[in-house]
Protein backbone atom coordinates (compact mmCIF):
# COMPACT_ATOMS: atom_id res chain seq x y z
CA MET A 1 -166.36 -67.75 197.97
CA SER A 2 -165.53 -70.05 194.93
CA VAL A 3 -167.62 -73.24 194.43
CA ILE A 4 -164.21 -75.12 195.04
CA GLU A 5 -164.17 -73.36 198.52
CA GLU A 6 -167.74 -74.20 199.17
CA VAL A 7 -167.17 -77.60 198.41
CA LEU A 8 -164.15 -78.07 200.35
CA GLN A 9 -165.98 -76.81 203.19
CA TYR A 10 -168.76 -79.45 202.65
CA ASN A 11 -165.84 -81.86 202.50
CA LYS A 12 -164.90 -81.21 205.92
CA LYS A 13 -168.19 -81.97 207.29
CA TYR A 14 -168.33 -85.23 205.34
CA ALA A 15 -165.07 -86.51 206.41
CA LYS A 16 -166.35 -86.02 210.37
CA ARG A 17 -168.99 -88.59 209.48
CA PHE A 18 -167.34 -90.90 207.02
CA LYS A 19 -167.71 -94.36 207.54
CA LEU A 20 -166.81 -96.10 204.24
CA GLY A 21 -163.20 -96.73 204.88
CA HIS A 22 -163.62 -100.40 205.20
CA LEU A 23 -164.81 -100.83 201.67
CA PRO A 24 -162.66 -103.41 199.44
CA ILE A 25 -161.17 -102.30 196.30
CA PRO A 26 -162.92 -104.07 194.10
CA PRO A 27 -166.72 -103.32 193.31
CA SER A 28 -168.86 -105.59 195.34
CA ARG A 29 -171.50 -105.95 192.44
CA ALA A 30 -168.86 -106.74 190.05
CA LEU A 31 -170.22 -104.09 187.64
CA ALA A 32 -168.48 -101.48 185.54
CA ILE A 33 -170.48 -98.61 183.95
CA VAL A 34 -169.25 -96.17 181.00
CA ALA A 35 -171.65 -93.19 181.05
CA CYS A 36 -171.66 -89.42 180.26
CA MET A 37 -170.36 -86.93 182.38
CA ASP A 38 -173.45 -84.87 182.11
CA ALA A 39 -174.25 -83.42 185.78
CA ARG A 40 -177.99 -84.41 185.27
CA LEU A 41 -176.90 -88.19 185.49
CA THR A 42 -177.04 -89.28 189.14
CA VAL A 43 -175.64 -92.80 188.07
CA GLU A 44 -175.65 -94.47 191.57
CA GLU A 45 -179.09 -93.14 192.38
CA MET A 46 -180.71 -94.03 189.15
CA LEU A 47 -179.68 -97.64 189.43
CA GLY A 48 -180.08 -98.07 193.04
CA LEU A 49 -176.03 -98.35 193.77
CA LYS A 50 -174.34 -97.81 196.86
CA THR A 51 -170.74 -96.50 197.23
CA GLY A 52 -168.46 -99.59 196.58
CA GLU A 53 -170.67 -101.52 194.43
CA ALA A 54 -169.51 -100.71 190.82
CA HIS A 55 -166.97 -98.68 188.76
CA ILE A 56 -168.63 -95.86 187.09
CA ILE A 57 -166.24 -94.46 184.30
CA ARG A 58 -167.60 -90.90 182.89
CA ASN A 59 -166.57 -88.80 179.97
CA ALA A 60 -168.19 -86.47 177.57
CA GLY A 61 -170.57 -88.75 175.72
CA GLY A 62 -170.04 -92.40 177.51
CA ILE A 63 -167.80 -92.93 174.96
CA VAL A 64 -165.50 -95.92 175.16
CA SER A 65 -162.19 -94.24 174.49
CA GLU A 66 -158.86 -95.63 174.95
CA ASP A 67 -158.63 -94.48 178.71
CA ALA A 68 -162.05 -95.85 179.33
CA LEU A 69 -160.92 -99.09 177.73
CA ARG A 70 -157.67 -99.15 180.11
CA SER A 71 -159.96 -98.76 182.95
CA LEU A 72 -162.41 -101.50 182.03
CA ILE A 73 -159.30 -103.96 181.38
CA ILE A 74 -158.36 -103.16 184.96
CA SER A 75 -161.64 -103.30 186.66
CA HIS A 76 -162.22 -107.07 184.78
CA HIS A 77 -158.75 -108.46 184.94
CA LEU A 78 -157.51 -107.15 188.34
CA LEU A 79 -160.93 -106.08 190.31
CA GLY A 80 -163.34 -108.76 188.92
CA THR A 81 -165.96 -106.88 187.19
CA ARG A 82 -168.20 -109.43 185.25
CA GLU A 83 -170.83 -107.19 183.69
CA PHE A 84 -170.52 -103.85 181.57
CA MET A 85 -173.14 -101.12 180.92
CA ILE A 86 -172.92 -98.28 178.70
CA ILE A 87 -175.19 -95.14 179.52
CA ASN A 88 -175.68 -92.41 177.12
CA HIS A 89 -178.58 -89.99 177.67
CA THR A 90 -181.34 -87.72 175.62
CA ASP A 91 -180.47 -84.26 175.04
CA CYS A 92 -176.46 -84.94 175.33
CA GLY A 93 -174.05 -81.90 174.29
CA MET A 94 -172.49 -84.40 172.07
CA LEU A 95 -174.95 -84.11 169.87
CA THR A 96 -174.82 -80.22 169.10
CA PHE A 97 -171.57 -80.00 167.56
CA LYS A 98 -169.29 -81.77 164.79
CA ASP A 99 -165.56 -82.59 165.62
CA GLU A 100 -164.08 -80.60 162.61
CA LYS A 101 -165.92 -77.43 163.56
CA LEU A 102 -164.94 -77.37 167.20
CA ARG A 103 -161.65 -77.88 166.14
CA LYS A 104 -161.60 -74.75 163.89
CA ASN A 105 -163.08 -72.77 166.44
CA LEU A 106 -160.78 -73.74 169.37
CA LEU A 107 -157.85 -73.07 166.90
CA LYS A 108 -159.29 -69.73 165.92
CA LYS A 109 -160.16 -68.68 169.40
CA THR A 110 -156.79 -69.76 171.15
CA ARG A 111 -154.36 -69.37 167.93
CA THR A 112 -152.69 -72.47 169.17
CA ALA A 113 -152.54 -75.98 167.37
CA THR A 114 -152.18 -79.18 169.52
CA VAL A 115 -151.91 -82.74 169.13
CA ALA A 116 -154.36 -83.90 171.46
CA PRO A 117 -157.24 -84.42 171.60
CA LEU A 118 -157.28 -85.85 168.31
CA LEU A 119 -161.03 -86.25 168.38
CA PHE A 120 -164.10 -85.12 170.47
CA HIS A 121 -166.26 -88.07 169.37
CA ALA A 122 -169.33 -86.03 168.59
CA PHE A 123 -172.23 -88.21 167.42
CA SER A 124 -175.60 -87.39 165.72
CA ASN A 125 -177.45 -90.77 166.88
CA ILE A 126 -177.56 -91.47 170.53
CA SER A 127 -178.61 -95.31 170.05
CA GLU A 128 -176.11 -95.61 167.25
CA ASN A 129 -173.40 -94.18 169.58
CA VAL A 130 -174.33 -96.54 172.38
CA ARG A 131 -173.97 -99.69 169.99
CA GLN A 132 -170.56 -98.37 168.73
CA GLN A 133 -169.45 -98.23 172.27
CA MET A 134 -170.82 -101.69 172.99
CA GLN A 135 -168.82 -102.91 170.21
CA LYS A 136 -165.69 -101.50 171.04
CA ILE A 137 -165.74 -103.69 174.31
CA GLN A 138 -167.18 -106.79 172.49
CA THR A 139 -164.47 -106.76 170.00
CA HIS A 140 -161.41 -105.77 172.15
CA PRO A 141 -158.93 -108.85 172.53
CA TRP A 142 -157.94 -108.33 176.13
CA LEU A 143 -161.79 -108.39 177.21
CA PRO A 144 -163.67 -111.76 177.29
CA THR A 145 -166.23 -112.32 174.37
CA ASP A 146 -168.47 -113.61 176.88
CA ILE A 147 -168.73 -110.76 179.60
CA PRO A 148 -172.32 -109.16 179.41
CA VAL A 149 -172.23 -105.71 177.95
CA ARG A 150 -175.43 -104.16 177.62
CA GLY A 151 -176.15 -100.24 176.52
CA PHE A 152 -178.90 -97.74 177.49
CA VAL A 153 -180.14 -94.38 176.65
CA TYR A 154 -181.35 -92.46 179.91
CA ASP A 155 -184.06 -89.95 179.45
CA VAL A 156 -183.18 -86.90 181.36
CA ARG A 157 -186.92 -85.73 181.31
CA LYS A 158 -188.42 -88.90 182.67
CA GLY A 159 -185.30 -90.18 184.65
CA ARG A 160 -186.21 -93.92 182.72
CA LEU A 161 -183.58 -96.11 180.83
CA GLU A 162 -184.27 -97.50 177.71
CA GLU A 163 -182.11 -100.28 176.42
CA VAL A 164 -180.14 -100.33 173.04
CA TYR A 165 -179.67 -103.66 171.46
CA ALA A 166 -177.01 -104.47 169.16
């Protein structure tokens, strides 16, 4: 049985005991988080959040990409979030490659050139990446300059967040 079939079987059991259909659309804690997609990060659990309390936007590297910005703008202006948080982590796969080398390897492997993704957003310093992501939010003209934006590095071995200051 495939993993997808396994998780679909679990979902049938989950749906039978589901009791969260009453939750409102806006996150009750007015918090939006941009975090890495790494499977070792259980964002709600590490922050003591429950379903419906925060928007969690995840992608490779916890990058404030065009799509993440789109989500943050909607989150703030239409759904009332008032604080933003960036979470990167130790031992991140984004530290293991360079964009250009990955692009060349993919071209060689597939023999196909594409227009997207234009960038993979690999980085060599976690704290500096967090600062760059915070700056993207803080300087975007459609997001208020007074909204709190805080960044953190999660230690995957210790389970602890360390704040990164601009």
